[in-house]
Amino acid sequence: MDVVLLVKAAIMGVVEGLTEFLPISSTGHLILAGALLGFDDAKAQVFDVAIQTGAILAVILVYWAKIRATLHALPSERQAQRLAFNLAIGFFPAVLLGLLFGKAIKAHLFTPVVVASTFIIGGLVILWAERRAPSATRIHTLDAMTAPDALKVGLVQCLAMVPGTSRSGATIIGGMLLGLSRQAATDFSFFLAIPTLIGAGVYSLYQERALLTVADLPMFLTGLVFSFLSAWLCVRWLLRYIASHSFVPFAYYRIGFGLMVLVTASTGWVPWVD
């Protein structure tokens, strides 16, 4: 058993769990962390997608009461049926565009400079969104969302195919720009993450199954466990945070971190792989 490899897997799991549901891009952080750790070959890219399942299990645990109630009411209650329908509509664009453009994006855009640039752009978008008037909010709960609202958020989620954009950032901030309250946008983002990330993980494992062996199991299990634990802590904290805070600090973090990567990449101070 390669202890160094397991330590790298644990670090990557923590990075995934802490960044998956914050508007700061888990994929971007994984690309940069992998570049620094020398954990960025083809198998590592499959690992990065697969361990998102651990983070999703944390969301399922935190939202289990709502999920269980929705599943129980699904056969008979219109409210539960509407939520399920909205999630299906929101999920569809990611499936379609992912199948069409996923390979090309991975081949050409998974680089530190692209990540850094989208970090900065995303930070500026967050600052703009947070300065909008509160009167623009028209949807305060998930139950008030319509099918067109869900489709729009699903289309915005597709922006996260570009690494560094942030899936949660795109859906939460995009949802707010579309008229959702901060809480409603966050809740829908978390629910939408369940089919999106599980689907991406299963599809990636199936597509790259030739790269994997039984010997890789300890590495993947380590990443999943650490991703789950760190995501569980992060989601619980974020739900408390948004009750009384804005996303402005994350915007400044994105801009500062993006600038740091661009400067260190251009000067050679940090050996980012490009």
Foldseek 3Di string as FASTA:
>chain_A
DDPLLLVLLLVLLLLQQQAQQAQFFSLLSSLQSCQQSVQDDPVSVLLNLQLVVLLLVLLCVVCVVVVVVLVVCCVPDPLSVQLVLLLVLLQVVLVVVCVVCVVVLVVPQSFNLQLLVLLLVLLVLQVVLVPDDLVLADAEALSPDHNVLSNQLSVQLNVPSRGNRHSNSSQQSVSSVVRYDNLRSSVSSSVSCNCNSVVSSVVSCVVVVVVDDPVCVSSSVSSNVSNNVSNNVNVVVVSVQVVPDGSNVSSVVSNVVSVVSVVCVVVVVRSGDD
